[in-house]
Amino acid sequence: MHKESLHGLQQHWNHVTPLHALLTPLSVLFWLLSLIRRKLYHYGIFSGIKLPVPVIVVGNITVGGTGKTPATLWLAEQLLANGWHPGIISRGYGGSGTAPQEVSANGDPEIVGDEPVLMAQRKLCPVWVGRKRPEAGQALLAAHPECDILISDDGLQHYRLIRDLELVVIDGLRRFGNGMLLPTGPLREKISRLASVDAVIVNGGTPQAGEFAMQLEGTQFYNLLNPDITASAAEFRDQTLHAIAGIGHPQRFFSYLQEMGLHFTPHAFPDHHRYSAAELNYPGANALLMTEKDAVKCAGFADEHYWVLRVDAQIDPALAQNILEKLDT
């Protein structure tokens, strides 16, 4: 589905509207096709690809940002701290590249996608993208034989890649919207799919029984033009501020800035939006605040007014122990 059309439907996904009567047959068709495809892989009619190292998929069952990328980085850190040598693979959504390729810290997000560049900038482990995830994993392992485990950023519904563990991240505030499947609601799969995954991570809100709590935390901004220059929220108070967010749930970023005591003019953009300098020209602004995901697409034309908030996932430590125990079995 075209991302602009998808963006227009999102306003209907938290409740039921007359539009749903027209869309429900499409949701039934979507469910049937998804179910058939999954069963074809389950019964071996479609063959999956098993890589020579364990694979952990970090995905979701809804459309839109839930915090998968911060969760993926958190998982890489936990694995590194416990003696593993992870690599990260991604489809590179939003990028034009198709063949497997390694992502560098200064990679072009228009080719490899914005989130892979963000992950590569953390310099935790190799990051590779490819339209076909199994091939991306094979290429990463060939280039980095030291890697003994792979993390797939997204890809829960891509069953061609055989996985050892599945982690699902959900938005704790929006959860599952109206609980309906695409395009009537935000669900890629039925909520019952959660019963078959290894862990459910709840980003914000209040976790339910058996779920693992996650929070995104950040206190420091860095200057996009000069990353060695940092500032606290207090240094931006009493200034004229604008903030942009081209992520799955822009209001999450804006609410976080408000909790930091900042007053600003918000500008929400579609997820994976490609920015231009002209559209971010806000006269009179002392600073333009943005997410790390937005920053990788603005680096080419940034000036001294562009400031980036780095955030990290804080997840219930019990999840790390749970994952390590499952990998040892």
C-alpha atoms as a PDB file:
ATOM      1  CA  MET A   1       0.000   0.000   0.000  1.00  0.00           C
ATOM      2  CA  HIS A   2       1.294   3.475  -0.890  1.00  0.00           C
ATOM      3  CA  LYS A   3       2.623   5.185   2.241  1.00  0.00           C
ATOM      4  CA  GLU A   4       0.586   8.375   1.669  1.00  0.00           C
ATOM      5  CA  SER A   5      -2.617   6.309   1.418  1.00  0.00           C
ATOM      6  CA  LEU A   6      -1.598   4.377   4.520  1.00  0.00           C
ATOM      7  CA  HIS A   7      -0.914   7.622   6.367  1.00  0.00           C
ATOM      8  CA  GLY A   8      -4.406   8.845   5.480  1.00  0.00           C
ATOM      9  CA  LEU A   9      -6.026   5.695   6.866  1.00  0.00           C
ATOM     10  CA  GLN A  10      -4.277   5.932  10.237  1.00  0.00           C
ATOM     11  CA  GLN A  11      -6.766   8.476  11.541  1.00  0.00           C
ATOM     12  CA  HIS A  12      -9.424   5.733  11.362  1.00  0.00           C
ATOM     13  CA  TRP A  13      -7.459   3.047  13.163  1.00  0.00           C
ATOM     14  CA  ASN A  14      -8.228   3.986  16.768  1.00  0.00           C
ATOM     15  CA  HIS A  15     -11.990   3.702  16.442  1.00  0.00           C
ATOM     16  CA  VAL A  16     -14.744   2.417  14.167  1.00  0.00           C
ATOM     17  CA  THR A  17     -16.091   4.660  11.400  1.00  0.00           C
ATOM     18  CA  PRO A  18     -18.513   4.167   8.498  1.00  0.00           C
ATOM     19  CA  LEU A  19     -15.478   3.704   6.257  1.00  0.00           C
ATOM     20  CA  HIS A  20     -14.831   0.366   7.930  1.00  0.00           C
ATOM     21  CA  ALA A  21     -17.950  -1.159   6.361  1.00  0.00           C
ATOM     22  CA  LEU A  22     -16.299  -0.676   2.970  1.00  0.00           C
ATOM     23  CA  LEU A  23     -12.853  -1.825   4.092  1.00  0.00           C
ATOM     24  CA  THR A  24     -13.830  -4.944   6.052  1.00  0.00           C
ATOM     25  CA  PRO A  25     -13.951  -7.247   2.990  1.00  0.00           C
ATOM     26  CA  LEU A  26     -10.396  -6.148   2.172  1.00  0.00           C
ATOM     27  CA  SER A  27      -9.324  -6.968   5.729  1.00  0.00           C
ATOM     28  CA  VAL A  28     -10.826 -10.450   5.405  1.00  0.00           C
ATOM     29  CA  LEU A  29      -8.940 -10.977   2.139  1.00  0.00           C
ATOM     30  CA  PHE A  30      -5.721  -9.689   3.738  1.00  0.00           C
ATOM     31  CA  TRP A  31      -6.162 -12.117   6.638  1.00  0.00           C
ATOM     32  CA  LEU A  32      -6.808 -15.078   4.344  1.00  0.00           C
ATOM     33  CA  LEU A  33      -3.771 -14.366   2.184  1.00  0.00           C
ATOM     34  CA  SER A  34      -1.560 -13.881   5.258  1.00  0.00           C
ATOM     35  CA  LEU A  35      -2.857 -17.076   6.858  1.00  0.00           C
ATOM     36  CA  ILE A  36      -2.349 -19.136   3.705  1.00  0.00           C
ATOM     37  CA  ARG A  37       1.171 -17.824   3.263  1.00  0.00           C
ATOM     38  CA  ARG A  38       2.123 -18.596   6.853  1.00  0.00           C
ATOM     39  CA  LYS A  39       0.680 -22.117   6.637  1.00  0.00           C
ATOM     40  CA  LEU A  40       2.550 -22.789   3.391  1.00  0.00           C
ATOM     41  CA  TYR A  41       5.806 -22.072   5.201  1.00  0.00           C
ATOM     42  CA  HIS A  42       4.697 -23.927   8.324  1.00  0.00           C
ATOM     43  CA  TYR A  43       4.000 -27.139   6.414  1.00  0.00           C
ATOM     44  CA  GLY A  44       7.101 -26.852   4.242  1.00  0.00           C
ATOM     45  CA  ILE A  45       5.306 -26.210   0.947  1.00  0.00           C
ATOM     46  CA  PHE A  46       7.256 -22.948   0.783  1.00  0.00           C
ATOM     47  CA  SER A  47      10.808 -23.590   1.922  1.00  0.00           C
ATOM     48  CA  GLY A  48      12.487 -21.292   4.402  1.00  0.00           C
ATOM     49  CA  ILE A  49      16.219 -20.606   4.644  1.00  0.00           C
ATOM     50  CA  LYS A  50      18.083 -21.640   7.779  1.00  0.00           C
ATOM     51  CA  LEU A  51      21.262 -19.673   8.459  1.00  0.00           C
ATOM     52  CA  PRO A  52      24.222 -21.296  10.258  1.00  0.00           C
ATOM     53  CA  VAL A  53      23.856 -19.080  13.336  1.00  0.00           C
ATOM     54  CA  PRO A  54      20.876 -18.309  15.596  1.00  0.00           C
ATOM     55  CA  VAL A  55      18.483 -15.638  14.313  1.00  0.00           C
ATOM     56  CA  ILE A  56      16.390 -13.358  16.523  1.00  0.00           C
ATOM     57  CA  VAL A  57      13.621 -11.375  14.850  1.00  0.00           C
ATOM     58  CA  VAL A  58      12.541  -8.091  16.457  1.00  0.00           C
ATOM     59  CA  GLY A  59       9.230  -7.192  14.861  1.00  0.00           C
ATOM     60  CA  ASN A  60       5.672  -6.085  15.427  1.00  0.00           C
ATOM     61  CA  ILE A  61       2.142  -7.004  14.421  1.00  0.00           C
ATOM     62  CA  THR A  62       1.020  -3.446  13.688  1.00  0.00           C
ATOM     63  CA  VAL A  63       1.845  -0.883  11.040  1.00  0.00           C
ATOM     64  CA  GLY A  64       3.840   2.117  12.198  1.00  0.00           C
ATOM     65  CA  GLY A  65       6.656   2.723  14.616  1.00  0.00           C
ATOM     66  CA  THR A  66       6.646   0.846  17.899  1.00  0.00           C
ATOM     67  CA  GLY A  67      10.314   1.165  18.857  1.00  0.00           C
ATOM     68  CA  LYS A  68      11.803  -1.858  17.080  1.00  0.00           C
ATOM     69  CA  THR A  69      15.074  -0.143  16.201  1.00  0.00           C
ATOM     70  CA  PRO A  70      15.928   0.980  19.774  1.00  0.00           C
ATOM     71  CA  ALA A  71      14.952  -2.504  20.958  1.00  0.00           C
ATOM     72  CA  THR A  72      17.259  -4.041  18.347  1.00  0.00           C
ATOM     73  CA  LEU A  73      20.159  -1.881  19.520  1.00  0.00           C
ATOM     74  CA  TRP A  74      19.425  -2.794  23.140  1.00  0.00           C
ATOM     75  CA  LEU A  75      19.466  -6.473  22.217  1.00  0.00           C
ATOM     76  CA  ALA A  76      22.793  -6.093  20.413  1.00  0.00           C
ATOM     77  CA  GLU A  77      24.272  -4.479  23.524  1.00  0.00           C
ATOM     78  CA  GLN A  78      22.998  -7.286  25.762  1.00  0.00           C
ATOM     79  CA  LEU A  79      24.423  -9.962  23.474  1.00  0.00           C
ATOM     80  CA  LEU A  80      27.798  -8.201  23.273  1.00  0.00           C
ATOM     81  CA  ALA A  81      27.933  -7.918  27.057  1.00  0.00           C
ATOM     82  CA  ASN A  82      27.413 -11.673  27.326  1.00  0.00           C
ATOM     83  CA  GLY A  83      30.094 -12.827  24.904  1.00  0.00           C
ATOM     84  CA  TRP A  84      28.127 -13.018  21.658  1.00  0.00           C
ATOM     85  CA  HIS A  85      29.184 -11.333  18.406  1.00  0.00           C
ATOM     86  CA  PRO A  86      25.971 -10.112  16.768  1.00  0.00           C
ATOM     87  CA  GLY A  87      25.241  -8.745  13.343  1.00  0.00           C
ATOM     88  CA  ILE A  88      22.098  -6.845  12.334  1.00  0.00           C
ATOM     89  CA  ILE A  89      20.147  -7.336   9.115  1.00  0.00           C
ATOM     90  CA  SER A  90      17.328  -5.185   7.786  1.00  0.00           C
ATOM     91  CA  ARG A  91      15.272  -4.791   4.644  1.00  0.00           C
ATOM     92  CA  GLY A  92      16.316  -1.144   4.515  1.00  0.00           C
ATOM     93  CA  TYR A  93      12.808   0.223   4.211  1.00  0.00           C
ATOM     94  CA  GLY A  94      12.709   3.552   2.411  1.00  0.00           C
ATOM     95  CA  GLY A  95      15.968   2.883   0.582  1.00  0.00           C
ATOM     96  CA  SER A  96      16.271   2.147  -3.112  1.00  0.00           C
ATOM     97  CA  GLY A  97      18.920  -0.568  -2.796  1.00  0.00           C
ATOM     98  CA  THR A  98      17.976  -4.197  -3.423  1.00  0.00           C
ATOM     99  CA  ALA A  99      21.185  -6.246  -3.332  1.00  0.00           C
ATOM    100  CA  PRO A 100      22.775  -7.081   0.040  1.00  0.00           C
ATOM    101  CA  GLN A 101      25.212  -4.405   1.170  1.00  0.00           C
ATOM    102  CA  GLU A 102      26.941  -3.268   4.331  1.00  0.00           C
ATOM    103  CA  VAL A 103      25.783  -0.034   5.935  1.00  0.00           C
ATOM    104  CA  SER A 104      28.335   2.498   7.132  1.00  0.00           C
ATOM    105  CA  ALA A 105      27.864   5.300   9.640  1.00  0.00           C
ATOM    106  CA  ASN A 106      27.818   7.812   6.785  1.00  0.00           C
ATOM    107  CA  GLY A 107      25.702   5.658   4.476  1.00  0.00           C
ATOM    108  CA  ASP A 108      23.105   7.187   2.184  1.00  0.00           C
ATOM    109  CA  PRO A 109      19.626   6.669   3.706  1.00  0.00           C
ATOM    110  CA  GLU A 110      18.066   7.016   0.247  1.00  0.00           C
ATOM    111  CA  ILE A 111      19.884   3.816  -0.734  1.00  0.00           C
ATOM    112  CA  VAL A 112      20.023   1.758   2.476  1.00  0.00           C
ATOM    113  CA  GLY A 113      17.191   3.303   4.533  1.00  0.00           C
ATOM    114  CA  ASP A 114      17.236   5.649   7.503  1.00  0.00           C
ATOM    115  CA  GLU A 115      17.031   3.147  10.362  1.00  0.00           C
ATOM    116  CA  PRO A 116      20.006   1.015   9.188  1.00  0.00           C
ATOM    117  CA  VAL A 117      22.180   4.154   9.021  1.00  0.00           C
ATOM    118  CA  LEU A 118      21.076   5.072  12.551  1.00  0.00           C
ATOM    119  CA  MET A 119      22.058   1.598  13.770  1.00  0.00           C
ATOM    120  CA  ALA A 120      25.394   1.700  11.962  1.00  0.00           C
ATOM    121  CA  GLN A 121      26.191   5.017  13.620  1.00  0.00           C
ATOM    122  CA  ARG A 122      26.075   3.313  17.010  1.00  0.00           C
ATOM    123  CA  LYS A 123      29.033   1.161  15.888  1.00  0.00           C
ATOM    124  CA  LEU A 124      27.971  -1.857  17.927  1.00  0.00           C
ATOM    125  CA  CYS A 125      28.219  -4.491  15.208  1.00  0.00           C
ATOM    126  CA  PRO A 126      27.987  -4.990  11.435  1.00  0.00           C
ATOM    127  CA  VAL A 127      24.736  -3.826   9.829  1.00  0.00           C
ATOM    128  CA  TRP A 128      23.668  -5.167   6.430  1.00  0.00           C
ATOM    129  CA  VAL A 129      20.566  -4.520   4.345  1.00  0.00           C
ATOM    130  CA  GLY A 130      18.967  -6.371   1.466  1.00  0.00           C
ATOM    131  CA  ARG A 131      15.534  -6.702  -0.070  1.00  0.00           C
ATOM    132  CA  LYS A 132      15.742 -10.408   0.798  1.00  0.00           C
ATOM    133  CA  ARG A 133      16.727 -10.879   4.416  1.00  0.00           C
ATOM    134  CA  PRO A 134      18.183 -14.402   4.142  1.00  0.00           C
ATOM    135  CA  GLU A 135      20.561 -13.213   1.434  1.00  0.00           C
ATOM    136  CA  ALA A 136      21.492 -10.192   3.544  1.00  0.00           C
ATOM    137  CA  GLY A 137      22.263 -12.537   6.437  1.00  0.00           C
ATOM    138  CA  GLN A 138      24.378 -14.802   4.248  1.00  0.00           C
ATOM    139  CA  ALA A 139      26.343 -11.835   2.909  1.00  0.00           C
ATOM    140  CA  LEU A 140      26.930 -10.443   6.399  1.00  0.00           C
ATOM    141  CA  LEU A 141      28.217 -13.780   7.675  1.00  0.00           C
ATOM    142  CA  ALA A 142      30.514 -14.169   4.669  1.00  0.00           C
ATOM    143  CA  ALA A 143      32.004 -10.722   5.284  1.00  0.00           C
ATOM    144  CA  HIS A 144      32.092 -11.062   9.077  1.00  0.00           C
ATOM    145  CA  PRO A 145      32.701 -14.710  10.020  1.00  0.00           C
ATOM    146  CA  GLU A 146      33.197 -13.634  13.629  1.00  0.00           C
ATOM    147  CA  CYS A 147      29.445 -13.003  13.945  1.00  0.00           C
ATOM    148  CA  ASP A 148      27.778 -15.892  15.739  1.00  0.00           C
ATOM    149  CA  ILE A 149      24.209 -14.557  15.965  1.00  0.00           C
ATOM    150  CA  LEU A 150      21.989 -12.348  13.798  1.00  0.00           C
ATOM    151  CA  ILE A 151      19.278  -9.883  14.752  1.00  0.00           C
ATOM    152  CA  SER A 152      16.655  -9.082  12.131  1.00  0.00           C
ATOM    153  CA  ASP A 153      15.302  -5.572  12.581  1.00  0.00           C
ATOM    154  CA  ASP A 154      11.671  -6.145  11.573  1.00  0.00           C
ATOM    155  CA  GLY A 155      10.677  -9.150   9.483  1.00  0.00           C
ATOM    156  CA  LEU A 156       8.242 -10.954  11.775  1.00  0.00           C
ATOM    157  CA  GLN A 157       5.957 -11.676   8.806  1.00  0.00           C
ATOM    158  CA  HIS A 158       8.813 -12.654   6.446  1.00  0.00           C
ATOM    159  CA  TYR A 159       8.777 -16.396   7.065  1.00  0.00           C
ATOM    160  CA  ARG A 160      11.351 -17.263   4.420  1.00  0.00           C
ATOM    161  CA  LEU A 161      13.983 -16.438   7.036  1.00  0.00           C
ATOM    162  CA  ILE A 162      13.870 -19.212   9.619  1.00  0.00           C
ATOM    163  CA  ARG A 163      14.219 -17.758  13.086  1.00  0.00           C
ATOM    164  CA  ASP A 164      15.121 -19.145  16.490  1.00  0.00           C
ATOM    165  CA  LEU A 165      13.460 -16.463  18.609  1.00  0.00           C
ATOM    166  CA  GLU A 166      10.741 -13.898  17.946  1.00  0.00           C
ATOM    167  CA  LEU A 167      10.407 -10.680  19.944  1.00  0.00           C
ATOM    168  CA  VAL A 168       7.452  -8.386  19.320  1.00  0.00           C
ATOM    169  CA  VAL A 169       7.459  -4.698  20.263  1.00  0.00           C
ATOM    170  CA  ILE A 170       4.107  -2.985  20.762  1.00  0.00           C
ATOM    171  CA  ASP A 171       3.242   0.635  21.466  1.00  0.00           C
ATOM    172  CA  GLY A 172       2.026   0.662  25.056  1.00  0.00           C
ATOM    173  CA  LEU A 173      -0.129   3.750  24.501  1.00  0.00           C
ATOM    174  CA  ARG A 174      -1.784   2.888  21.183  1.00  0.00           C
ATOM    175  CA  ARG A 175      -1.536  -0.915  21.615  1.00  0.00           C
ATOM    176  CA  PHE A 176      -3.623  -2.376  18.758  1.00  0.00           C
ATOM    177  CA  GLY A 177      -5.871   0.554  17.876  1.00  0.00           C
ATOM    178  CA  ASN A 178      -9.336  -0.697  16.933  1.00  0.00           C
ATOM    179  CA  GLY A 179      -8.057  -4.288  16.885  1.00  0.00           C
ATOM    180  CA  MET A 180      -8.775  -4.766  13.183  1.00  0.00           C
ATOM    181  CA  LEU A 181      -6.563  -6.031  10.375  1.00  0.00           C
ATOM    182  CA  LEU A 182      -5.276  -3.916   7.504  1.00  0.00           C
ATOM    183  CA  PRO A 183      -6.640  -1.806   5.930  1.00  0.00           C
ATOM    184  CA  THR A 184      -9.558  -1.474   8.391  1.00  0.00           C
ATOM    185  CA  GLY A 185      -7.132  -1.277  11.308  1.00  0.00           C
ATOM    186  CA  PRO A 186      -3.399  -1.258  12.022  1.00  0.00           C
ATOM    187  CA  LEU A 187      -2.872  -5.003  12.484  1.00  0.00           C
ATOM    188  CA  ARG A 188      -0.618  -7.016  10.164  1.00  0.00           C
ATOM    189  CA  GLU A 189      -1.612 -10.192  11.981  1.00  0.00           C
ATOM    190  CA  LYS A 190      -4.248 -11.101  14.527  1.00  0.00           C
ATOM    191  CA  ILE A 191      -3.522 -10.354  18.176  1.00  0.00           C
ATOM    192  CA  SER A 192      -3.563 -14.106  18.795  1.00  0.00           C
ATOM    193  CA  ARG A 193      -0.186 -14.231  16.981  1.00  0.00           C
ATOM    194  CA  LEU A 194       1.400 -12.957  20.209  1.00  0.00           C
ATOM    195  CA  ALA A 195       0.726 -16.308  21.860  1.00  0.00           C
ATOM    196  CA  SER A 196       3.366 -17.923  19.617  1.00  0.00           C
ATOM    197  CA  VAL A 197       6.227 -15.438  20.058  1.00  0.00           C
ATOM    198  CA  ASP A 198       8.992 -15.665  22.643  1.00  0.00           C
ATOM    199  CA  ALA A 199       8.496 -12.258  24.241  1.00  0.00           C
ATOM    200  CA  VAL A 200       6.271  -9.184  24.012  1.00  0.00           C
ATOM    201  CA  ILE A 201       7.976  -5.859  24.743  1.00  0.00           C
ATOM    202  CA  VAL A 202       5.759  -2.896  25.628  1.00  0.00           C
ATOM    203  CA  ASN A 203       7.161   0.506  24.733  1.00  0.00           C
ATOM    204  CA  GLY A 204       5.588   2.951  27.190  1.00  0.00           C
ATOM    205  CA  GLY A 205       2.257   2.555  28.933  1.00  0.00           C
ATOM    206  CA  THR A 206       1.597  -0.245  31.412  1.00  0.00           C
ATOM    207  CA  PRO A 207       2.660  -3.804  30.508  1.00  0.00           C
ATOM    208  CA  GLN A 208       0.187  -6.589  31.035  1.00  0.00           C
ATOM    209  CA  ALA A 209       1.009  -9.903  32.684  1.00  0.00           C
ATOM    210  CA  GLY A 210       3.868 -11.670  30.935  1.00  0.00           C
ATOM    211  CA  GLU A 211       4.970  -8.579  28.967  1.00  0.00           C
ATOM    212  CA  PHE A 212       8.318  -6.795  29.358  1.00  0.00           C
ATOM    213  CA  ALA A 213       8.416  -3.050  30.003  1.00  0.00           C
ATOM    214  CA  MET A 214      10.422  -0.730  27.764  1.00  0.00           C
ATOM    215  CA  GLN A 215      11.034   2.990  27.994  1.00  0.00           C
ATOM    216  CA  LEU A 216      12.921   5.307  25.651  1.00  0.00           C
ATOM    217  CA  GLU A 217      15.198   7.624  27.600  1.00  0.00           C
ATOM    218  CA  GLY A 218      17.366  10.531  26.519  1.00  0.00           C
ATOM    219  CA  THR A 219      18.684  13.653  28.226  1.00  0.00           C
ATOM    220  CA  GLN A 220      21.302  15.062  25.868  1.00  0.00           C
ATOM    221  CA  PHE A 221      20.999  16.747  22.499  1.00  0.00           C
ATOM    222  CA  TYR A 222      23.908  16.859  20.082  1.00  0.00           C
ATOM    223  CA  ASN A 223      24.459  19.342  17.301  1.00  0.00           C
ATOM    224  CA  LEU A 224      23.981  17.664  13.937  1.00  0.00           C
ATOM    225  CA  LEU A 225      26.574  19.851  12.217  1.00  0.00           C
ATOM    226  CA  ASN A 226      29.085  19.429  15.082  1.00  0.00           C
ATOM    227  CA  PRO A 227      28.187  16.211  16.968  1.00  0.00           C
ATOM    228  CA  ASP A 228      30.841  16.802  19.638  1.00  0.00           C
ATOM    229  CA  ILE A 229      28.799  19.772  20.852  1.00  0.00           C
ATOM    230  CA  THR A 230      26.044  18.728  23.261  1.00  0.00           C
ATOM    231  CA  ALA A 231      23.344  20.531  25.197  1.00  0.00           C
ATOM    232  CA  SER A 232      20.787  19.763  27.870  1.00  0.00           C
ATOM    233  CA  ALA A 233      17.102  20.626  27.676  1.00  0.00           C
ATOM    234  CA  ALA A 234      17.662  23.470  30.153  1.00  0.00           C
ATOM    235  CA  GLU A 235      19.864  25.248  27.603  1.00  0.00           C
ATOM    236  CA  PHE A 236      16.950  25.442  25.144  1.00  0.00           C
ATOM    237  CA  ARG A 237      14.413  26.935  27.527  1.00  0.00           C
ATOM    238  CA  ASP A 238      13.205  30.449  26.738  1.00  0.00           C
ATOM    239  CA  GLN A 239      14.302  29.980  23.111  1.00  0.00           C
ATOM    240  CA  THR A 240      12.149  29.849  19.995  1.00  0.00           C
ATOM    241  CA  LEU A 241      12.062  26.157  19.150  1.00  0.00           C
ATOM    242  CA  HIS A 242      10.645  24.020  16.365  1.00  0.00           C
ATOM    243  CA  ALA A 243      10.589  20.214  16.395  1.00  0.00           C
ATOM    244  CA  ILE A 244      10.160  17.710  13.577  1.00  0.00           C
ATOM    245  CA  ALA A 245       9.349  14.009  13.651  1.00  0.00           C
ATOM    246  CA  GLY A 246       9.059  11.723  10.644  1.00  0.00           C
ATOM    247  CA  ILE A 247       8.520   8.527  12.619  1.00  0.00           C
ATOM    248  CA  GLY A 248       5.683   6.073  13.063  1.00  0.00           C
ATOM    249  CA  HIS A 249       4.202   7.964  16.009  1.00  0.00           C
ATOM    250  CA  PRO A 250       5.424  11.595  15.975  1.00  0.00           C
ATOM    251  CA  GLN A 251       3.421  12.543  19.054  1.00  0.00           C
ATOM    252  CA  ARG A 252       5.605  10.245  21.162  1.00  0.00           C
ATOM    253  CA  PHE A 253       8.636  12.432  20.409  1.00  0.00           C
ATOM    254  CA  PHE A 254       6.727  15.664  20.937  1.00  0.00           C
ATOM    255  CA  SER A 255       5.324  14.454  24.265  1.00  0.00           C
ATOM    256  CA  TYR A 256       8.820  13.500  25.402  1.00  0.00           C
ATOM    257  CA  LEU A 257      10.101  16.993  24.612  1.00  0.00           C
ATOM    258  CA  GLN A 258       7.203  18.481  26.577  1.00  0.00           C
ATOM    259  CA  GLU A 259       8.066  16.258  29.536  1.00  0.00           C
ATOM    260  CA  MET A 260      11.576  17.747  29.342  1.00  0.00           C
ATOM    261  CA  GLY A 261      10.002  21.158  29.927  1.00  0.00           C
ATOM    262  CA  LEU A 262      10.424  22.454  26.381  1.00  0.00           C
ATOM    263  CA  HIS A 263       7.995  24.691  24.503  1.00  0.00           C
ATOM    264  CA  PHE A 264       8.117  24.403  20.726  1.00  0.00           C
ATOM    265  CA  THR A 265       6.160  24.345  17.489  1.00  0.00           C
ATOM    266  CA  PRO A 266       5.705  20.718  16.348  1.00  0.00           C
ATOM    267  CA  HIS A 267       5.855  19.549  12.734  1.00  0.00           C
ATOM    268  CA  ALA A 268       4.778  15.955  12.096  1.00  0.00           C
ATOM    269  CA  PHE A 269       5.841  14.214   8.875  1.00  0.00           C
ATOM    270  CA  PRO A 270       5.078  10.742   7.483  1.00  0.00           C
ATOM    271  CA  ASP A 271       7.299   7.883   8.598  1.00  0.00           C
ATOM    272  CA  HIS A 272      10.562   7.693   6.595  1.00  0.00           C
ATOM    273  CA  HIS A 273       9.929  11.148   5.104  1.00  0.00           C
ATOM    274  CA  ARG A 274      12.715  12.525   2.906  1.00  0.00           C
ATOM    275  CA  TYR A 275      13.428  16.070   4.019  1.00  0.00           C
ATOM    276  CA  SER A 276      14.682  19.075   2.116  1.00  0.00           C
ATOM    277  CA  ALA A 277      16.334  22.179   3.536  1.00  0.00           C
ATOM    278  CA  ALA A 278      13.559  24.380   2.144  1.00  0.00           C
ATOM    279  CA  GLU A 279      10.738  22.665   4.032  1.00  0.00           C
ATOM    280  CA  LEU A 280      12.657  22.908   7.319  1.00  0.00           C
ATOM    281  CA  ASN A 281      13.235  26.637   7.033  1.00  0.00           C
ATOM    282  CA  TYR A 282      11.414  28.080  10.049  1.00  0.00           C
ATOM    283  CA  PRO A 283      12.160  31.819  10.326  1.00  0.00           C
ATOM    284  CA  GLY A 284      13.037  33.016  13.799  1.00  0.00           C
ATOM    285  CA  ALA A 285      13.835  29.555  15.171  1.00  0.00           C
ATOM    286  CA  ASN A 286      16.824  29.373  17.521  1.00  0.00           C
ATOM    287  CA  ALA A 287      16.914  25.586  17.255  1.00  0.00           C
ATOM    288  CA  LEU A 288      15.299  22.765  15.299  1.00  0.00           C
ATOM    289  CA  LEU A 289      14.932  19.603  17.402  1.00  0.00           C
ATOM    290  CA  MET A 290      14.675  16.162  15.819  1.00  0.00           C
ATOM    291  CA  THR A 291      15.016  12.425  16.349  1.00  0.00           C
ATOM    292  CA  GLU A 292      18.089  10.417  15.374  1.00  0.00           C
ATOM    293  CA  LYS A 293      16.062   8.808  12.599  1.00  0.00           C
ATOM    294  CA  ASP A 294      15.286  12.231  11.127  1.00  0.00           C
ATOM    295  CA  ALA A 295      18.868  13.384  11.589  1.00  0.00           C
ATOM    296  CA  VAL A 296      20.390  10.844   9.192  1.00  0.00           C
ATOM    297  CA  LYS A 297      18.272  12.373   6.396  1.00  0.00           C
ATOM    298  CA  CYS A 298      19.119  15.970   7.304  1.00  0.00           C
ATOM    299  CA  ALA A 299      22.888  15.632   7.744  1.00  0.00           C
ATOM    300  CA  GLY A 300      23.623  16.677   4.180  1.00  0.00           C
ATOM    301  CA  PHE A 301      22.142  20.161   4.582  1.00  0.00           C
ATOM    302  CA  ALA A 302      22.244  20.737   8.352  1.00  0.00           C
ATOM    303  CA  ASP A 303      23.343  24.011   9.886  1.00  0.00           C
ATOM    304  CA  GLU A 304      24.212  24.986  13.447  1.00  0.00           C
ATOM    305  CA  HIS A 305      20.511  25.200  14.409  1.00  0.00           C
ATOM    306  CA  TYR A 306      19.871  21.438  13.999  1.00  0.00           C
ATOM    307  CA  TRP A 307      19.867  19.506  17.283  1.00  0.00           C
ATOM    308  CA  VAL A 308      19.309  15.779  17.760  1.00  0.00           C
ATOM    309  CA  LEU A 309      17.985  13.955  20.816  1.00  0.00           C
ATOM    310  CA  ARG A 310      19.695  10.611  21.334  1.00  0.00           C
ATOM    311  CA  VAL A 311      17.472   8.045  23.018  1.00  0.00           C
ATOM    312  CA  ASP A 312      18.177   4.539  24.253  1.00  0.00           C
ATOM    313  CA  ALA A 313      15.813   1.731  25.129  1.00  0.00           C
ATOM    314  CA  GLN A 314      15.626   0.703  28.764  1.00  0.00           C
ATOM    315  CA  ILE A 315      14.059  -2.750  28.916  1.00  0.00           C
ATOM    316  CA  ASP A 316      13.254  -5.016  31.848  1.00  0.00           C
ATOM    317  CA  PRO A 317      16.555  -6.864  32.570  1.00  0.00           C
ATOM    318  CA  ALA A 318      14.567 -10.070  32.988  1.00  0.00           C
ATOM    319  CA  LEU A 319      14.131 -10.153  29.209  1.00  0.00           C
ATOM    320  CA  ALA A 320      17.879 -10.346  28.587  1.00  0.00           C
ATOM    321  CA  GLN A 321      18.159 -13.270  30.978  1.00  0.00           C
ATOM    322  CA  ASN A 322      15.170 -14.931  29.328  1.00  0.00           C
ATOM    323  CA  ILE A 323      16.760 -14.620  25.868  1.00  0.00           C
ATOM    324  CA  LEU A 324      20.158 -15.873  27.018  1.00  0.00           C
ATOM    325  CA  GLU A 325      18.582 -18.925  28.649  1.00  0.00           C
ATOM    326  CA  LYS A 326      16.678 -19.771  25.469  1.00  0.00           C
ATOM    327  CA  LEU A 327      19.826 -19.442  23.375  1.00  0.00           C
ATOM    328  CA  ASP A 328      21.611 -21.867  25.678  1.00  0.00           C
ATOM    329  CA  THR A 329      18.992 -24.599  25.251  1.00  0.00           C
END
